[in-house]
Amino acid sequence: MSKFIVLEGIDGSGKTTLANFLREELSDDSMIFTREPSNSNAGELAKKIANENTSPYYDLFIYLADRAAHISFIEKELNKGNSVISDRYWGSTVAYQAASEEISFNYLEKIHQPFILKPNLTVLLDIKPETALERINTNRDNKSKYEKVSFLQKVRSNYLKLAERYNWITINAEKSLPQVKSEIKQTIEECLSPKE
């Protein structure tokens, strides 16, 4: 049975590293890996504005347009019998846009309700912003407008609120990479395994 699985977490939490790890470990023809922003027209625009000083509402509606296109792609894959793992999904929009404090958390939740596709499993990679930014500074030359300790503290708080509200699985991403890899692989394999 096809499953829809999402990886969430602040920048520097290791989502993309772990998505690449899972691609190698779980890869077969029926496992599709994707990410947001996606490769839709709106997704390409969302990538472009990541370093531009734009209004939170402008950002929000671009992300929503991309998500609508992305959901269509995910539904097609699930209907083919494939399972899908996405690096980011609607939780990212709620956590990040609410951190701007110009758009309420509740509004961001409600605006997704009419069209969101509910994942079978969402895994939150939880990490302190200070640790995440150390990783970013070590591994990347460029930072996005969101990658500041004070902002990421608000994002992390929003993520933890979502995790509690929607029964996400939270993994401590402060652990060593081999430990986190082992934990996330086991969590996802349990979700993918057929239930008796």
Protein backbone atom coordinates (compact mmCIF):
# COMPACT_ATOMS: atom_id res chain seq x y z
CA MET A 1 0.00 0.00 0.00
CA SER A 2 1.35 3.43 -0.97
CA LYS A 3 2.32 5.86 1.81
CA PHE A 4 2.97 9.60 1.94
CA ILE A 5 5.78 10.55 4.33
CA VAL A 6 7.11 14.03 5.16
CA LEU A 7 10.39 15.22 6.70
CA GLU A 8 10.19 18.58 8.50
CA GLY A 9 12.60 20.70 10.51
CA ILE A 10 14.35 24.06 10.63
CA ASP A 11 17.15 24.88 8.21
CA GLY A 12 20.26 22.93 9.21
CA SER A 13 18.32 20.09 10.88
CA GLY A 14 19.56 17.57 8.31
CA LYS A 15 16.38 16.98 6.28
CA THR A 16 18.08 16.99 2.90
CA THR A 17 21.02 14.87 4.10
CA LEU A 18 18.59 12.33 5.52
CA ALA A 19 16.36 12.40 2.44
CA ASN A 20 19.45 11.55 0.35
CA PHE A 21 20.34 8.78 2.81
CA LEU A 22 16.83 7.33 2.60
CA ARG A 23 16.94 7.53 -1.19
CA GLU A 24 20.00 5.25 -1.12
CA GLU A 25 18.67 2.91 1.58
CA LEU A 26 15.04 2.55 0.49
CA SER A 27 15.29 3.22 -3.20
CA ASP A 28 13.23 1.14 -5.59
CA ASP A 29 10.91 1.89 -8.48
CA SER A 30 7.92 2.39 -6.17
CA MET A 31 9.61 4.97 -3.87
CA ILE A 32 9.42 8.60 -5.05
CA PHE A 33 11.45 11.37 -3.41
CA THR A 34 10.38 15.00 -3.75
CA ARG A 35 10.76 18.32 -1.97
CA GLU A 36 9.29 21.76 -1.47
CA PRO A 37 9.63 24.19 -3.03
CA SER A 38 8.97 21.84 -5.94
CA ASN A 39 9.89 22.26 -9.60
CA SER A 40 6.56 23.85 -10.51
CA ASN A 41 6.50 27.41 -11.88
CA ALA A 42 5.45 28.67 -8.44
CA GLY A 43 8.13 26.51 -6.81
CA GLU A 44 10.85 28.07 -8.95
CA LEU A 45 9.59 31.52 -7.90
CA ALA A 46 9.56 30.42 -4.23
CA LYS A 47 13.24 29.43 -4.50
CA LYS A 48 14.04 32.82 -6.00
CA ILE A 49 12.37 34.85 -3.23
CA ALA A 50 14.14 32.95 -0.42
CA ASN A 51 16.73 35.73 -0.31
CA GLU A 52 14.52 38.66 -1.23
CA ASN A 53 12.90 41.09 1.18
CA THR A 54 9.29 40.30 0.30
CA SER A 55 6.04 40.50 2.24
CA PRO A 56 5.13 37.40 4.28
CA TYR A 57 1.75 37.34 2.47
CA TYR A 58 3.49 37.45 -0.91
CA ASP A 59 5.67 34.53 0.18
CA LEU A 60 2.69 32.63 1.60
CA PHE A 61 0.59 32.65 -1.55
CA ILE A 62 3.52 31.62 -3.72
CA TYR A 63 4.17 28.68 -1.39
CA LEU A 64 0.47 27.78 -1.47
CA ALA A 65 0.41 27.84 -5.28
CA ASP A 66 3.45 25.58 -5.35
CA ARG A 67 1.86 23.26 -2.79
CA ALA A 68 -1.30 22.89 -4.87
CA ALA A 69 0.84 21.83 -7.85
CA HIS A 70 2.94 19.56 -5.64
CA ILE A 71 -0.11 17.84 -4.16
CA SER A 72 -1.33 17.06 -7.67
CA PHE A 73 2.02 15.40 -8.39
CA ILE A 74 1.96 13.45 -5.09
CA GLU A 75 -1.61 12.22 -5.65
CA LYS A 76 -0.69 10.93 -9.11
CA GLU A 77 2.23 8.96 -7.68
CA LEU A 78 0.15 7.53 -4.83
CA ASN A 79 -2.56 6.51 -7.31
CA LYS A 80 0.08 4.57 -9.26
CA GLY A 81 0.84 2.61 -6.07
CA ASN A 82 4.08 4.44 -5.32
CA SER A 83 5.09 5.76 -1.91
CA VAL A 84 6.29 9.36 -1.64
CA ILE A 85 8.80 10.96 0.75
CA SER A 86 8.84 14.77 0.72
CA ASP A 87 11.54 17.04 2.12
CA ARG A 88 9.22 19.75 3.57
CA TYR A 89 5.45 20.16 3.22
CA TRP A 90 2.69 22.33 4.69
CA GLY A 91 4.22 22.37 8.18
CA SER A 92 7.14 24.40 6.85
CA THR A 93 4.82 27.14 5.64
CA VAL A 94 2.99 27.32 8.97
CA ALA A 95 6.17 27.23 11.06
CA TYR A 96 8.11 29.79 9.01
CA GLN A 97 5.36 32.22 8.02
CA ALA A 98 3.92 32.34 11.55
CA ALA A 99 7.42 33.18 12.83
CA SER A 100 7.23 36.43 10.88
CA GLU A 101 4.47 37.40 13.36
CA GLU A 102 2.57 39.17 10.57
CA ILE A 103 0.40 36.13 9.82
CA SER A 104 -1.25 34.17 12.63
CA PHE A 105 -0.52 30.52 13.27
CA ASN A 106 -4.26 29.71 13.25
CA TYR A 107 -4.83 31.45 9.91
CA LEU A 108 -1.96 29.49 8.36
CA GLU A 109 -3.43 26.23 9.64
CA LYS A 110 -6.93 27.04 8.39
CA ILE A 111 -5.90 28.17 4.91
CA HIS A 112 -4.47 24.70 4.22
CA GLN A 113 -7.50 22.72 5.37
CA PRO A 114 -9.58 22.77 2.14
CA PHE A 115 -6.91 21.22 -0.07
CA ILE A 116 -4.16 19.59 1.98
CA LEU A 117 -3.34 15.92 1.46
CA LYS A 118 -2.78 14.33 4.88
CA PRO A 119 0.53 12.43 5.20
CA ASN A 120 0.63 8.94 6.69
CA LEU A 121 3.68 10.01 8.68
CA THR A 122 5.44 13.31 9.39
CA VAL A 123 8.87 13.22 11.04
CA LEU A 124 10.14 16.38 12.73
CA LEU A 125 13.92 16.62 13.01
CA ASP A 126 14.25 18.77 16.12
CA ILE A 127 17.44 20.74 16.69
CA LYS A 128 18.51 23.91 18.51
CA PRO A 129 18.88 26.86 16.11
CA GLU A 130 22.42 27.49 17.35
CA THR A 131 23.48 23.96 16.37
CA ALA A 132 21.65 24.22 13.04
CA LEU A 133 23.38 27.49 12.15
CA GLU A 134 26.78 26.04 13.05
CA ARG A 135 26.09 23.27 10.53
CA ILE A 136 24.92 25.75 7.90
CA ASN A 137 28.01 27.95 8.37
CA THR A 138 30.23 24.88 8.01
CA ASN A 139 28.52 23.42 4.94
CA ARG A 140 27.24 26.42 2.96
CA ASP A 141 28.51 29.78 1.76
CA ASN A 142 25.09 31.42 1.40
CA LYS A 143 22.35 31.74 4.00
CA SER A 144 18.68 32.51 3.34
CA LYS A 145 16.80 35.39 4.95
CA TYR A 146 15.30 32.91 7.43
CA GLU A 147 18.60 31.66 8.85
CA LYS A 148 18.98 33.79 11.99
CA VAL A 149 18.95 32.40 15.55
CA SER A 150 16.08 34.59 16.82
CA PHE A 151 13.89 33.76 13.83
CA LEU A 152 14.68 30.03 13.88
CA GLN A 153 13.83 29.88 17.59
CA LYS A 154 10.29 30.98 16.69
CA VAL A 155 10.18 28.51 13.80
CA ARG A 156 11.30 25.67 16.07
CA SER A 157 8.63 26.59 18.62
CA ASN A 158 5.98 26.52 15.88
CA TYR A 159 7.22 23.14 14.65
CA LEU A 160 7.00 21.65 18.15
CA LYS A 161 3.45 22.99 18.47
CA LEU A 162 2.50 21.34 15.15
CA ALA A 163 4.19 18.07 16.16
CA GLU A 164 2.14 17.88 19.33
CA ARG A 165 -1.11 18.91 17.65
CA TYR A 166 -0.84 16.52 14.70
CA ASN A 167 0.95 13.57 16.36
CA TRP A 168 4.16 13.84 14.37
CA ILE A 169 7.15 11.69 15.28
CA THR A 170 9.92 13.89 16.70
CA ILE A 171 13.55 12.81 16.38
CA ASN A 172 16.35 14.54 18.26
CA ALA A 173 18.58 15.76 15.42
CA GLU A 174 21.25 16.87 17.91
CA LYS A 175 22.37 13.23 18.09
CA SER A 176 25.19 11.92 15.93
CA LEU A 177 24.38 11.47 12.25
CA PRO A 178 24.64 7.63 12.42
CA GLN A 179 22.16 7.62 15.34
CA VAL A 180 19.70 9.88 13.53
CA LYS A 181 20.02 7.85 10.32
CA SER A 182 19.28 4.63 12.20
CA GLU A 183 16.29 6.14 14.00
CA ILE A 184 14.70 7.70 10.92
CA LYS A 185 15.21 4.59 8.81
CA GLN A 186 13.53 2.42 11.44
CA THR A 187 10.64 4.91 11.81
CA ILE A 188 9.99 5.05 8.08
CA GLU A 189 10.37 1.31 7.53
CA GLU A 190 7.74 0.74 10.24
CA CYS A 191 5.38 3.10 8.40
CA LEU A 192 6.02 1.41 5.05
CA SER A 193 5.69 -2.16 6.30
CA PRO A 194 2.31 -3.80 5.62
CA LYS A 195 0.18 -4.06 8.75
CA GLU A 196 -1.17 -7.47 9.68
